[in-house]
Amino acid sequence: MILKPGVSRALFPKLPLKCIGRFAGGVFRARRGLPPSNEWGPLTDLPDYSFLDGRVPKVTTVGQRMRLIKQYEMTKQIVTLSSELNEANKRLLEKQDEETRRIKALSESPLKKKGSEKLV
């Protein structure tokens, strides 16, 4: 049972207390499909400043650098796994083609009859 605000714990001493913990703005962020904290987003991923002449600022904080490294490693893993999937699909198609060719070859060359057709 979840106790509503304003209900005293003294009314229900034997019931376990359940708390639903959410971060500040948790309902707002959950309704919009956002993460519960600042895991990603423009305030986290983009630099804190920009140059007027168009230059790109370098990584400014340790957190940004760690996030960049983590994202790079994850991207490498995604590329590796997707290439492995492509190779596996290619091998599966080759195996299926080989099986259909084998079945076709067996059906095209039926067994030969024994003996001669002429009976004297």
PDB file of N, CA and C in Angstrom:
ATOM      1  N   MET A   1       0.843  -1.178   0.000  1.00  0.00           N
ATOM      2  CA  MET A   1       0.000   0.000   0.000  1.00  0.00           C
ATOM      3  C   MET A   1       0.878   1.227   0.000  1.00  0.00           C
ATOM      4  N   ILE A   2       0.586   2.167  -0.838  1.00  0.00           N
ATOM      5  CA  ILE A   2       1.345   3.408  -0.913  1.00  0.00           C
ATOM      6  C   ILE A   2       0.598   4.473  -0.129  1.00  0.00           C
ATOM      7  N   LEU A   3       1.281   5.060   0.832  1.00  0.00           N
ATOM      8  CA  LEU A   3       0.656   6.097   1.644  1.00  0.00           C
ATOM      9  C   LEU A   3       0.685   7.417   0.894  1.00  0.00           C
ATOM     10  N   LYS A   4      -0.437   8.104   0.914  1.00  0.00           N
ATOM     11  CA  LYS A   4      -0.534   9.400   0.256  1.00  0.00           C
ATOM     12  C   LYS A   4      -0.010  10.476   1.200  1.00  0.00           C
ATOM     13  N   PRO A   5       0.413  11.621   0.657  1.00  0.00           N
ATOM     14  CA  PRO A   5       0.874  12.698   1.536  1.00  0.00           C
ATOM     15  C   PRO A   5      -0.236  13.124   2.498  1.00  0.00           C
ATOM     16  N   GLY A   6       0.127  13.369   3.718  1.00  0.00           N
ATOM     17  CA  GLY A   6      -0.837  13.800   4.718  1.00  0.00           C
ATOM     18  C   GLY A   6      -1.409  12.661   5.544  1.00  0.00           C
ATOM     19  N   VAL A   7      -1.174  11.413   5.133  1.00  0.00           N
ATOM     20  CA  VAL A   7      -1.671  10.267   5.898  1.00  0.00           C
ATOM     21  C   VAL A   7      -0.582   9.870   6.882  1.00  0.00           C
ATOM     22  N   SER A   8      -0.945   9.767   8.108  1.00  0.00           N
ATOM     23  CA  SER A   8       0.038   9.479   9.144  1.00  0.00           C
ATOM     24  C   SER A   8       0.424   8.008   9.141  1.00  0.00           C
ATOM     25  N   ARG A   9       1.676   7.741   9.409  1.00  0.00           N
ATOM     26  CA  ARG A   9       2.172   6.373   9.505  1.00  0.00           C
ATOM     27  C   ARG A   9       1.558   5.678  10.723  1.00  0.00           C
ATOM     28  N   ALA A  10       1.116   6.454  11.684  1.00  0.00           N
ATOM     29  CA  ALA A  10       0.535   5.886  12.896  1.00  0.00           C
ATOM     30  C   ALA A  10      -0.783   5.180  12.611  1.00  0.00           C
ATOM     31  N   LEU A  11      -1.460   5.530  11.521  1.00  0.00           N
ATOM     32  CA  LEU A  11      -2.722   4.885  11.183  1.00  0.00           C
ATOM     33  C   LEU A  11      -2.514   3.448  10.722  1.00  0.00           C
ATOM     34  N   PHE A  12      -1.382   3.189  10.081  1.00  0.00           N
ATOM     35  CA  PHE A  12      -1.087   1.865   9.537  1.00  0.00           C
ATOM     36  C   PHE A  12       0.284   1.397  10.017  1.00  0.00           C
ATOM     37  N   PRO A  13       0.428   1.015  11.281  1.00  0.00           N
ATOM     38  CA  PRO A  13       1.767   0.690  11.798  1.00  0.00           C
ATOM     39  C   PRO A  13       2.348  -0.614  11.264  1.00  0.00           C
ATOM     40  N   LYS A  14       1.501  -1.571  10.843  1.00  0.00           N
ATOM     41  CA  LYS A  14       2.023  -2.870  10.433  1.00  0.00           C
ATOM     42  C   LYS A  14       2.251  -2.979   8.931  1.00  0.00           C
ATOM     43  N   LEU A  15       1.777  -2.039   8.172  1.00  0.00           N
ATOM     44  CA  LEU A  15       1.944  -2.102   6.721  1.00  0.00           C
ATOM     45  C   LEU A  15       3.335  -1.621   6.328  1.00  0.00           C
ATOM     46  N   PRO A  16       3.949  -2.282   5.350  1.00  0.00           N
ATOM     47  CA  PRO A  16       5.277  -1.828   4.914  1.00  0.00           C
ATOM     48  C   PRO A  16       5.167  -0.490   4.184  1.00  0.00           C
ATOM     49  N   LEU A  17       6.167   0.304   4.364  1.00  0.00           N
ATOM     50  CA  LEU A  17       6.189   1.617   3.733  1.00  0.00           C
ATOM     51  C   LEU A  17       6.891   1.502   2.390  1.00  0.00           C
ATOM     52  N   LYS A  18       6.223   1.901   1.334  1.00  0.00           N
ATOM     53  CA  LYS A  18       6.816   1.885   0.000  1.00  0.00           C
ATOM     54  C   LYS A  18       6.975   3.315  -0.471  1.00  0.00           C
ATOM     55  N   CYS A  19       8.150   3.607  -0.938  1.00  0.00           N
ATOM     56  CA  CYS A  19       8.410   4.944  -1.455  1.00  0.00           C
ATOM     57  C   CYS A  19       8.752   4.844  -2.930  1.00  0.00           C
ATOM     58  N   ILE A  20       8.177   5.701  -3.702  1.00  0.00           N
ATOM     59  CA  ILE A  20       8.512   5.766  -5.117  1.00  0.00           C
ATOM     60  C   ILE A  20       9.463   6.944  -5.280  1.00  0.00           C
ATOM     61  N   GLY A  21      10.718   6.629  -5.465  1.00  0.00           N
ATOM     62  CA  GLY A  21      11.703   7.682  -5.594  1.00  0.00           C
ATOM     63  C   GLY A  21      11.887   8.117  -7.033  1.00  0.00           C
ATOM     64  N   ARG A  22      11.800   9.381  -7.279  1.00  0.00           N
ATOM     65  CA  ARG A  22      12.060   9.938  -8.603  1.00  0.00           C
ATOM     66  C   ARG A  22      12.966  11.145  -8.426  1.00  0.00           C
ATOM     67  N   PHE A  23      13.759  11.393  -9.437  1.00  0.00           N
ATOM     68  CA  PHE A  23      14.595  12.574  -9.412  1.00  0.00           C
ATOM     69  C   PHE A  23      13.719  13.802  -9.635  1.00  0.00           C
ATOM     70  N   ALA A  24      14.280  14.953  -9.411  1.00  0.00           N
ATOM     71  CA  ALA A  24      13.532  16.188  -9.643  1.00  0.00           C
ATOM     72  C   ALA A  24      13.131  16.266 -11.107  1.00  0.00           C
ATOM     73  N   GLY A  25      11.861  16.504 -11.352  1.00  0.00           N
ATOM     74  CA  GLY A  25      11.371  16.565 -12.726  1.00  0.00           C
ATOM     75  C   GLY A  25      11.227  15.205 -13.356  1.00  0.00           C
ATOM     76  N   GLY A  26      11.165  14.146 -12.550  1.00  0.00           N
ATOM     77  CA  GLY A  26      11.128  12.790 -13.086  1.00  0.00           C
ATOM     78  C   GLY A  26       9.902  12.502 -13.917  1.00  0.00           C
ATOM     79  N   VAL A  27       8.740  12.969 -13.474  1.00  0.00           N
ATOM     80  CA  VAL A  27       7.503  12.733 -14.214  1.00  0.00           C
ATOM     81  C   VAL A  27       7.551  13.487 -15.538  1.00  0.00           C
ATOM     82  N   PHE A  28       8.007  14.734 -15.491  1.00  0.00           N
ATOM     83  CA  PHE A  28       8.132  15.548 -16.701  1.00  0.00           C
ATOM     84  C   PHE A  28       9.041  14.862 -17.712  1.00  0.00           C
ATOM     85  N   ARG A  29      10.186  14.366 -17.261  1.00  0.00           N
ATOM     86  CA  ARG A  29      11.148  13.742 -18.170  1.00  0.00           C
ATOM     87  C   ARG A  29      10.646  12.387 -18.658  1.00  0.00           C
ATOM     88  N   ALA A  30       9.971  11.630 -17.797  1.00  0.00           N
ATOM     89  CA  ALA A  30       9.475  10.308 -18.192  1.00  0.00           C
ATOM     90  C   ALA A  30       8.383  10.423 -19.247  1.00  0.00           C
ATOM     91  N   ARG A  31       7.517  11.412 -19.133  1.00  0.00           N
ATOM     92  CA  ARG A  31       6.445  11.595 -20.117  1.00  0.00           C
ATOM     93  C   ARG A  31       6.982  11.959 -21.490  1.00  0.00           C
ATOM     94  N   ARG A  32       8.133  12.576 -21.530  1.00  0.00           N
ATOM     95  CA  ARG A  32       8.712  12.998 -22.804  1.00  0.00           C
ATOM     96  C   ARG A  32       9.757  12.019 -23.334  1.00  0.00           C
ATOM     97  N   GLY A  33       9.934  10.888 -22.655  1.00  0.00           N
ATOM     98  CA  GLY A  33      10.874   9.878 -23.115  1.00  0.00           C
ATOM     99  C   GLY A  33      12.325  10.235 -22.862  1.00  0.00           C
ATOM    100  N   LEU A  34      12.570  11.109 -21.914  1.00  0.00           N
ATOM    101  CA  LEU A  34      13.933  11.525 -21.596  1.00  0.00           C
ATOM    102  C   LEU A  34      14.492  10.657 -20.473  1.00  0.00           C
ATOM    103  N   PRO A  35      15.812  10.585 -20.350  1.00  0.00           N
ATOM    104  CA  PRO A  35      16.388   9.819 -19.246  1.00  0.00           C
ATOM    105  C   PRO A  35      16.095  10.511 -17.916  1.00  0.00           C
ATOM    106  N   PRO A  36      16.142   9.779 -16.809  1.00  0.00           N
ATOM    107  CA  PRO A  36      15.798  10.375 -15.521  1.00  0.00           C
ATOM    108  C   PRO A  36      16.804  11.408 -15.021  1.00  0.00           C
ATOM    109  N   SER A  37      17.997  11.425 -15.559  1.00  0.00           N
ATOM    110  CA  SER A  37      18.984  12.415 -15.138  1.00  0.00           C
ATOM    111  C   SER A  37      19.673  12.979 -16.371  1.00  0.00           C
ATOM    112  N   ASN A  38      20.772  13.644 -16.162  1.00  0.00           N
ATOM    113  CA  ASN A  38      21.467  14.298 -17.271  1.00  0.00           C
ATOM    114  C   ASN A  38      22.458  13.358 -17.953  1.00  0.00           C
ATOM    115  N   GLU A  39      21.998  12.178 -18.376  1.00  0.00           N
ATOM    116  CA  GLU A  39      22.879  11.213 -19.017  1.00  0.00           C
ATOM    117  C   GLU A  39      23.278  11.668 -20.413  1.00  0.00           C
ATOM    118  N   TRP A  40      22.362  12.301 -21.119  1.00  0.00           N
ATOM    119  CA  TRP A  40      22.646  12.784 -22.463  1.00  0.00           C
ATOM    120  C   TRP A  40      21.754  13.982 -22.736  1.00  0.00           C
ATOM    121  N   GLY A  41      22.090  14.706 -23.747  1.00  0.00           N
ATOM    122  CA  GLY A  41      21.303  15.876 -24.118  1.00  0.00           C
ATOM    123  C   GLY A  41      22.217  17.022 -24.485  1.00  0.00           C
ATOM    124  N   PRO A  42      21.657  18.111 -24.959  1.00  0.00           N
ATOM    125  CA  PRO A  42      22.498  19.221 -25.404  1.00  0.00           C
ATOM    126  C   PRO A  42      23.300  19.852 -24.279  1.00  0.00           C
ATOM    127  N   LEU A  43      22.752  19.908 -23.083  1.00  0.00           N
ATOM    128  CA  LEU A  43      23.504  20.508 -21.985  1.00  0.00           C
ATOM    129  C   LEU A  43      24.668  19.630 -21.556  1.00  0.00           C
ATOM    130  N   THR A  44      24.580  18.343 -21.795  1.00  0.00           N
ATOM    131  CA  THR A  44      25.643  17.422 -21.415  1.00  0.00           C
ATOM    132  C   THR A  44      26.642  17.219 -22.541  1.00  0.00           C
ATOM    133  N   ASP A  45      26.156  17.064 -23.763  1.00  0.00           N
ATOM    134  CA  ASP A  45      27.016  16.676 -24.875  1.00  0.00           C
ATOM    135  C   ASP A  45      27.688  17.850 -25.583  1.00  0.00           C
ATOM    136  N   LEU A  46      27.037  18.980 -25.655  1.00  0.00           N
ATOM    137  CA  LEU A  46      27.602  20.111 -26.392  1.00  0.00           C
ATOM    138  C   LEU A  46      28.568  20.894 -25.512  1.00  0.00           C
ATOM    139  N   PRO A  47      29.511  21.614 -26.132  1.00  0.00           N
ATOM    140  CA  PRO A  47      30.454  22.409 -25.346  1.00  0.00           C
ATOM    141  C   PRO A  47      29.754  23.582 -24.661  1.00  0.00           C
ATOM    142  N   ASP A  48      30.433  24.138 -23.667  1.00  0.00           N
ATOM    143  CA  ASP A  48      29.851  25.228 -22.888  1.00  0.00           C
ATOM    144  C   ASP A  48      29.930  26.574 -23.602  1.00  0.00           C
ATOM    145  N   TYR A  49      30.750  26.679 -24.617  1.00  0.00           N
ATOM    146  CA  TYR A  49      30.915  27.952 -25.319  1.00  0.00           C
ATOM    147  C   TYR A  49      31.162  27.686 -26.793  1.00  0.00           C
ATOM    148  N   SER A  50      31.145  28.750 -27.606  1.00  0.00           N
ATOM    149  CA  SER A  50      31.456  28.634 -29.031  1.00  0.00           C
ATOM    150  C   SER A  50      32.215  29.878 -29.468  1.00  0.00           C
ATOM    151  N   PHE A  51      32.948  29.746 -30.575  1.00  0.00           N
ATOM    152  CA  PHE A  51      33.697  30.866 -31.119  1.00  0.00           C
ATOM    153  C   PHE A  51      32.870  31.560 -32.192  1.00  0.00           C
ATOM    154  N   LEU A  52      33.050  32.881 -32.311  1.00  0.00           N
ATOM    155  CA  LEU A  52      32.309  33.637 -33.322  1.00  0.00           C
ATOM    156  C   LEU A  52      32.806  33.346 -34.730  1.00  0.00           C
ATOM    157  N   ASP A  53      34.084  32.968 -34.874  1.00  0.00           N
ATOM    158  CA  ASP A  53      34.622  32.720 -36.211  1.00  0.00           C
ATOM    159  C   ASP A  53      34.361  31.293 -36.694  1.00  0.00           C
ATOM    160  N   GLY A  54      33.627  30.477 -35.945  1.00  0.00           N
ATOM    161  CA  GLY A  54      33.237  29.152 -36.411  1.00  0.00           C
ATOM    162  C   GLY A  54      34.131  28.015 -35.959  1.00  0.00           C
ATOM    163  N   ARG A  55      35.195  28.302 -35.219  1.00  0.00           N
ATOM    164  CA  ARG A  55      36.049  27.223 -34.737  1.00  0.00           C
ATOM    165  C   ARG A  55      35.294  26.361 -33.731  1.00  0.00           C
ATOM    166  N   VAL A  56      35.666  25.107 -33.688  1.00  0.00           N
ATOM    167  CA  VAL A  56      35.029  24.177 -32.754  1.00  0.00           C
ATOM    168  C   VAL A  56      35.857  24.145 -31.474  1.00  0.00           C
ATOM    169  N   PRO A  57      35.241  24.357 -30.319  1.00  0.00           N
ATOM    170  CA  PRO A  57      36.005  24.302 -29.071  1.00  0.00           C
ATOM    171  C   PRO A  57      36.429  22.877 -28.741  1.00  0.00           C
ATOM    172  N   LYS A  58      37.544  22.774 -28.052  1.00  0.00           N
ATOM    173  CA  LYS A  58      38.047  21.462 -27.655  1.00  0.00           C
ATOM    174  C   LYS A  58      37.278  20.970 -26.436  1.00  0.00           C
ATOM    175  N   VAL A  59      37.526  19.723 -26.073  1.00  0.00           N
ATOM    176  CA  VAL A  59      36.891  19.147 -24.893  1.00  0.00           C
ATOM    177  C   VAL A  59      37.361  19.930 -23.678  1.00  0.00           C
ATOM    178  N   THR A  60      36.421  20.344 -22.851  1.00  0.00           N
ATOM    179  CA  THR A  60      36.785  21.227 -21.749  1.00  0.00           C
ATOM    180  C   THR A  60      36.839  20.532 -20.394  1.00  0.00           C
ATOM    181  N   THR A  61      36.058  19.495 -20.205  1.00  0.00           N
ATOM    182  CA  THR A  61      36.025  18.865 -18.885  1.00  0.00           C
ATOM    183  C   THR A  61      36.393  17.389 -18.979  1.00  0.00           C
ATOM    184  N   VAL A  62      36.726  16.825 -17.840  1.00  0.00           N
ATOM    185  CA  VAL A  62      37.056  15.406 -17.771  1.00  0.00           C
ATOM    186  C   VAL A  62      35.821  14.572 -18.095  1.00  0.00           C
ATOM    187  N   GLY A  63      34.657  15.017 -17.636  1.00  0.00           N
ATOM    188  CA  GLY A  63      33.418  14.295 -17.907  1.00  0.00           C
ATOM    189  C   GLY A  63      33.106  14.222 -19.392  1.00  0.00           C
ATOM    190  N   GLN A  64      33.325  15.354 -20.097  1.00  0.00           N
ATOM    191  CA  GLN A  64      33.102  15.351 -21.547  1.00  0.00           C
ATOM    192  C   GLN A  64      34.056  14.390 -22.233  1.00  0.00           C
ATOM    193  N   ARG A  65      35.308  14.400 -21.795  1.00  0.00           N
ATOM    194  CA  ARG A  65      36.299  13.509 -22.407  1.00  0.00           C
ATOM    195  C   ARG A  65      35.934  12.046 -22.172  1.00  0.00           C
ATOM    196  N   MET A  66      35.536  11.705 -20.954  1.00  0.00           N
ATOM    197  CA  MET A  66      35.155  10.327 -20.646  1.00  0.00           C
ATOM    198  C   MET A  66      33.928   9.911 -21.460  1.00  0.00           C
ATOM    199  N   ARG A  67      32.962  10.826 -21.617  1.00  0.00           N
ATOM    200  CA  ARG A  67      31.775  10.525 -22.421  1.00  0.00           C
ATOM    201  C   ARG A  67      32.147  10.291 -23.873  1.00  0.00           C
ATOM    202  N   LEU A  68      33.051  11.118 -24.411  1.00  0.00           N
ATOM    203  CA  LEU A  68      33.496  10.940 -25.797  1.00  0.00           C
ATOM    204  C   LEU A  68      34.183   9.592 -25.985  1.00  0.00           C
ATOM    205  N   ILE A  69      35.041   9.217 -25.052  1.00  0.00           N
ATOM    206  CA  ILE A  69      35.739   7.931 -25.141  1.00  0.00           C
ATOM    207  C   ILE A  69      34.740   6.783 -25.061  1.00  0.00           C
ATOM    208  N   LYS A  70      33.783   6.879 -24.134  1.00  0.00           N
ATOM    209  CA  LYS A  70      32.776   5.829 -23.977  1.00  0.00           C
ATOM    210  C   LYS A  70      31.923   5.701 -25.236  1.00  0.00           C
ATOM    211  N   GLN A  71      31.516   6.836 -25.810  1.00  0.00           N
ATOM    212  CA  GLN A  71      30.712   6.805 -27.036  1.00  0.00           C
ATOM    213  C   GLN A  71      31.517   6.236 -28.199  1.00  0.00           C
ATOM    214  N   TYR A  72      32.810   6.554 -28.271  1.00  0.00           N
ATOM    215  CA  TYR A  72      33.659   6.033 -29.338  1.00  0.00           C
ATOM    216  C   TYR A  72      33.793   4.515 -29.228  1.00  0.00           C
ATOM    217  N   GLU A  73      34.028   4.024 -28.007  1.00  0.00           N
ATOM    218  CA  GLU A  73      34.148   2.576 -27.801  1.00  0.00           C
ATOM    219  C   GLU A  73      32.838   1.863 -28.149  1.00  0.00           C
ATOM    220  N   MET A  74      31.719   2.456 -27.769  1.00  0.00           N
ATOM    221  CA  MET A  74      30.428   1.849 -28.076  1.00  0.00           C
ATOM    222  C   MET A  74      30.191   1.827 -29.586  1.00  0.00           C
ATOM    223  N   THR A  75      30.587   2.890 -30.267  1.00  0.00           N
ATOM    224  CA  THR A  75      30.437   2.945 -31.722  1.00  0.00           C
ATOM    225  C   THR A  75      31.291   1.879 -32.389  1.00  0.00           C
ATOM    226  N   LYS A  76      32.531   1.700 -31.916  1.00  0.00           N
ATOM    227  CA  LYS A  76      33.395   0.650 -32.464  1.00  0.00           C
ATOM    228  C   LYS A  76      32.773  -0.723 -32.282  1.00  0.00           C
ATOM    229  N   GLN A  77      32.197  -0.971 -31.113  1.00  0.00           N
ATOM    230  CA  GLN A  77      31.577  -2.265 -30.841  1.00  0.00           C
ATOM    231  C   GLN A  77      30.362  -2.479 -31.744  1.00  0.00           C
ATOM    232  N   ILE A  78      29.573  -1.439 -31.964  1.00  0.00           N
ATOM    233  CA  ILE A  78      28.398  -1.551 -32.838  1.00  0.00           C
ATOM    234  C   ILE A  78      28.823  -1.878 -34.255  1.00  0.00           C
ATOM    235  N   VAL A  79      29.857  -1.207 -34.751  1.00  0.00           N
ATOM    236  CA  VAL A  79      30.336  -1.456 -36.112  1.00  0.00           C
ATOM    237  C   VAL A  79      30.860  -2.882 -36.236  1.00  0.00           C
ATOM    238  N   THR A  80      31.620  -3.337 -35.250  1.00  0.00           N
ATOM    239  CA  THR A  80      32.160  -4.702 -35.278  1.00  0.00           C
ATOM    240  C   THR A  80      31.043  -5.742 -35.281  1.00  0.00           C
ATOM    241  N   LEU A  81      30.075  -5.571 -34.397  1.00  0.00           N
ATOM    242  CA  LEU A  81      28.984  -6.546 -34.310  1.00  0.00           C
ATOM    243  C   LEU A  81      28.110  -6.533 -35.558  1.00  0.00           C
ATOM    244  N   SER A  82      27.880  -5.359 -36.133  1.00  0.00           N
ATOM    245  CA  SER A  82      27.057  -5.312 -37.347  1.00  0.00           C
ATOM    246  C   SER A  82      27.788  -5.953 -38.524  1.00  0.00           C
ATOM    247  N   SER A  83      29.115  -5.796 -38.609  1.00  0.00           N
ATOM    248  CA  SER A  83      29.854  -6.458 -39.687  1.00  0.00           C
ATOM    249  C   SER A  83      29.841  -7.976 -39.493  1.00  0.00           C
ATOM    250  N   GLU A  84      29.926  -8.439 -38.242  1.00  0.00           N
ATOM    251  CA  GLU A  84      29.830  -9.877 -37.984  1.00  0.00           C
ATOM    252  C   GLU A  84      28.453 -10.414 -38.381  1.00  0.00           C
ATOM    253  N   LEU A  85      27.409  -9.646 -38.104  1.00  0.00           N
ATOM    254  CA  LEU A  85      26.059 -10.057 -38.513  1.00  0.00           C
ATOM    255  C   LEU A  85      25.941 -10.136 -40.028  1.00  0.00           C
ATOM    256  N   ASN A  86      26.507  -9.159 -40.724  1.00  0.00           N
ATOM    257  CA  ASN A  86      26.461  -9.180 -42.189  1.00  0.00           C
ATOM    258  C   ASN A  86      27.179 -10.401 -42.747  1.00  0.00           C
ATOM    259  N   GLU A  87      28.343 -10.735 -42.188  1.00  0.00           N
ATOM    260  CA  GLU A  87      29.083 -11.914 -42.641  1.00  0.00           C
ATOM    261  C   GLU A  87      28.297 -13.196 -42.362  1.00  0.00           C
ATOM    262  N   ALA A  88      27.665 -13.275 -41.200  1.00  0.00           N
ATOM    263  CA  ALA A  88      26.879 -14.467 -40.861  1.00  0.00           C
ATOM    264  C   ALA A  88      25.686 -14.614 -41.806  1.00  0.00           C
ATOM    265  N   ASN A  89      25.030 -13.503 -42.134  1.00  0.00           N
ATOM    266  CA  ASN A  89      23.907 -13.560 -43.077  1.00  0.00           C
ATOM    267  C   ASN A  89      24.372 -13.999 -44.458  1.00  0.00           C
ATOM    268  N   LYS A  90      25.543 -13.513 -44.873  1.00  0.00           N
ATOM    269  CA  LYS A  90      26.084 -13.891 -46.177  1.00  0.00           C
ATOM    270  C   LYS A  90      26.397 -15.385 -46.217  1.00  0.00           C
ATOM    271  N   ARG A  91      27.006 -15.909 -45.137  1.00  0.00           N
ATOM    272  CA  ARG A  91      27.304 -17.345 -45.076  1.00  0.00           C
ATOM    273  C   ARG A  91      26.025 -18.178 -45.076  1.00  0.00           C
ATOM    274  N   LEU A  92      25.000 -17.713 -44.390  1.00  0.00           N
ATOM    275  CA  LEU A  92      23.725 -18.434 -44.361  1.00  0.00           C
ATOM    276  C   LEU A  92      23.111 -18.497 -45.757  1.00  0.00           C
ATOM    277  N   LEU A  93      23.141 -17.384 -46.489  1.00  0.00           N
ATOM    278  CA  LEU A  93      22.604 -17.376 -47.853  1.00  0.00           C
ATOM    279  C   LEU A  93      23.392 -18.310 -48.765  1.00  0.00           C
ATOM    280  N   GLU A  94      24.726 -18.317 -48.633  1.00  0.00           N
ATOM    281  CA  GLU A  94      25.548 -19.218 -49.440  1.00  0.00           C
ATOM    282  C   GLU A  94      25.223 -20.680 -49.120  1.00  0.00           C
ATOM    283  N   LYS A  95      25.032 -20.986 -47.846  1.00  0.00           N
ATOM    284  CA  LYS A  95      24.701 -22.351 -47.445  1.00  0.00           C
ATOM    285  C   LYS A  95      23.343 -22.767 -48.003  1.00  0.00           C
ATOM    286  N   GLN A  96      22.375 -21.868 -47.970  1.00  0.00           N
ATOM    287  CA  GLN A  96      21.051 -22.172 -48.512  1.00  0.00           C
ATOM    288  C   GLN A  96      21.114 -22.367 -50.023  1.00  0.00           C
ATOM    289  N   ASP A  97      21.892 -21.524 -50.722  1.00  0.00           N
ATOM    290  CA  ASP A  97      22.050 -21.682 -52.170  1.00  0.00           C
ATOM    291  C   ASP A  97      22.698 -23.021 -52.507  1.00  0.00           C
ATOM    292  N   GLU A  98      23.712 -23.392 -51.744  1.00  0.00           N
ATOM    293  CA  GLU A  98      24.386 -24.674 -51.970  1.00  0.00           C
ATOM    294  C   GLU A  98      23.416 -25.837 -51.763  1.00  0.00           C
ATOM    295  N   GLU A  99      22.585 -25.751 -50.748  1.00  0.00           N
ATOM    296  CA  GLU A  99      21.608 -26.810 -50.473  1.00  0.00           C
ATOM    297  C   GLU A  99      20.584 -26.914 -51.606  1.00  0.00           C
ATOM    298  N   THR A 100      20.105 -25.774 -52.110  1.00  0.00           N
ATOM    299  CA  THR A 100      19.138 -25.825 -53.219  1.00  0.00           C
ATOM    300  C   THR A 100      19.786 -26.380 -54.483  1.00  0.00           C
ATOM    301  N   ARG A 101      21.063 -26.032 -54.727  1.00  0.00           N
ATOM    302  CA  ARG A 101      21.766 -26.589 -55.894  1.00  0.00           C
ATOM    303  C   ARG A 101      21.932 -28.098 -55.757  1.00  0.00           C
ATOM    304  N   ARG A 102      22.233 -28.566 -54.560  1.00  0.00           N
ATOM    305  CA  ARG A 102      22.404 -30.000 -54.328  1.00  0.00           C
ATOM    306  C   ARG A 102      21.087 -30.745 -54.544  1.00  0.00           C
ATOM    307  N   ILE A 103      20.002 -30.185 -54.038  1.00  0.00           N
ATOM    308  CA  ILE A 103      18.687 -30.818 -54.215  1.00  0.00           C
ATOM    309  C   ILE A 103      18.290 -30.821 -55.684  1.00  0.00           C
ATOM    310  N   LYS A 104      18.571 -29.737 -56.383  1.00  0.00           N
ATOM    311  CA  LYS A 104      18.247 -29.652 -57.809  1.00  0.00           C
ATOM    312  C   LYS A 104      19.063 -30.670 -58.605  1.00  0.00           C
ATOM    313  N   ALA A 105      20.339 -30.827 -58.272  1.00  0.00           N
ATOM    314  CA  ALA A 105      21.190 -31.794 -58.971  1.00  0.00           C
ATOM    315  C   ALA A 105      20.700 -33.221 -58.731  1.00  0.00           C
ATOM    316  N   LEU A 106      20.254 -33.516 -57.533  1.00  0.00           N
ATOM    317  CA  LEU A 106      19.736 -34.854 -57.242  1.00  0.00           C
ATOM    318  C   LEU A 106      18.427 -35.121 -57.981  1.00  0.00           C
ATOM    319  N   SER A 107      17.595 -34.112 -58.112  1.00  0.00           N
ATOM    320  CA  SER A 107      16.311 -34.327 -58.789  1.00  0.00           C
ATOM    321  C   SER A 107      16.472 -34.407 -60.305  1.00  0.00           C
ATOM    322  N   GLU A 108      17.498 -33.764 -60.860  1.00  0.00           N
ATOM    323  CA  GLU A 108      17.717 -33.793 -62.309  1.00  0.00           C
ATOM    324  C   GLU A 108      18.362 -35.093 -62.771  1.00  0.00           C
ATOM    325  N   SER A 109      19.083 -35.740 -61.927  1.00  0.00           N
ATOM    326  CA  SER A 109      19.729 -37.000 -62.331  1.00  0.00           C
ATOM    327  C   SER A 109      19.150 -38.159 -61.529  1.00  0.00           C
ATOM    328  N   PRO A 110      17.980 -38.665 -61.971  1.00  0.00           N
ATOM    329  CA  PRO A 110      17.388 -39.781 -61.226  1.00  0.00           C
ATOM    330  C   PRO A 110      18.215 -41.053 -61.428  1.00  0.00           C
ATOM    331  N   LEU A 111      17.917 -42.025 -60.650  1.00  0.00           N
ATOM    332  CA  LEU A 111      18.639 -43.293 -60.748  1.00  0.00           C
ATOM    333  C   LEU A 111      18.353 -43.961 -62.089  1.00  0.00           C
ATOM    334  N   LYS A 112      19.364 -44.635 -62.631  1.00  0.00           N
ATOM    335  CA  LYS A 112      19.205 -45.323 -63.917  1.00  0.00           C
ATOM    336  C   LYS A 112      18.614 -46.707 -63.682  1.00  0.00           C
ATOM    337  N   LYS A 113      17.852 -47.163 -64.649  1.00  0.00           N
ATOM    338  CA  LYS A 113      17.249 -48.486 -64.543  1.00  0.00           C
ATOM    339  C   LYS A 113      18.312 -49.552 -64.769  1.00  0.00           C
ATOM    340  N   LYS A 114      18.150 -50.652 -64.098  1.00  0.00           N
ATOM    341  CA  LYS A 114      19.091 -51.757 -64.273  1.00  0.00           C
ATOM    342  C   LYS A 114      18.643 -52.635 -65.424  1.00  0.00           C
ATOM    343  N   GLY A 115      19.598 -53.309 -66.020  1.00  0.00           N
ATOM    344  CA  GLY A 115      19.276 -54.258 -67.093  1.00  0.00           C
ATOM    345  C   GLY A 115      19.075 -53.559 -68.429  1.00  0.00           C
ATOM    346  N   SER A 116      18.700 -54.343 -69.415  1.00  0.00           N
ATOM    347  CA  SER A 116      18.478 -53.782 -70.747  1.00  0.00           C
ATOM    348  C   SER A 116      16.985 -53.685 -71.008  1.00  0.00           C
ATOM    349  N   GLU A 117      16.630 -52.765 -71.882  1.00  0.00           N
ATOM    350  CA  GLU A 117      15.223 -52.584 -72.197  1.00  0.00           C
ATOM    351  C   GLU A 117      14.733 -53.668 -73.170  1.00  0.00           C
ATOM    352  N   LYS A 118      15.642 -54.221 -73.948  1.00  0.00           N
ATOM    353  CA  LYS A 118      15.258 -55.248 -74.922  1.00  0.00           C
ATOM    354  C   LYS A 118      15.244 -56.606 -74.244  1.00  0.00           C
ATOM    355  N   LEU A 119      14.133 -57.230 -74.283  1.00  0.00           N
ATOM    356  CA  LEU A 119      14.040 -58.598 -73.767  1.00  0.00           C
ATOM    357  C   LEU A 119      13.802 -59.526 -74.946  1.00  0.00           C
ATOM    358  N   VAL A 120      14.710 -60.433 -75.190  1.00  0.00           N
ATOM    359  CA  VAL A 120      14.586 -61.339 -76.341  1.00  0.00           C
ATOM    360  C   VAL A 120      14.045 -62.655 -75.929  1.00  0.00           C
TER     361      VAL A 120
END
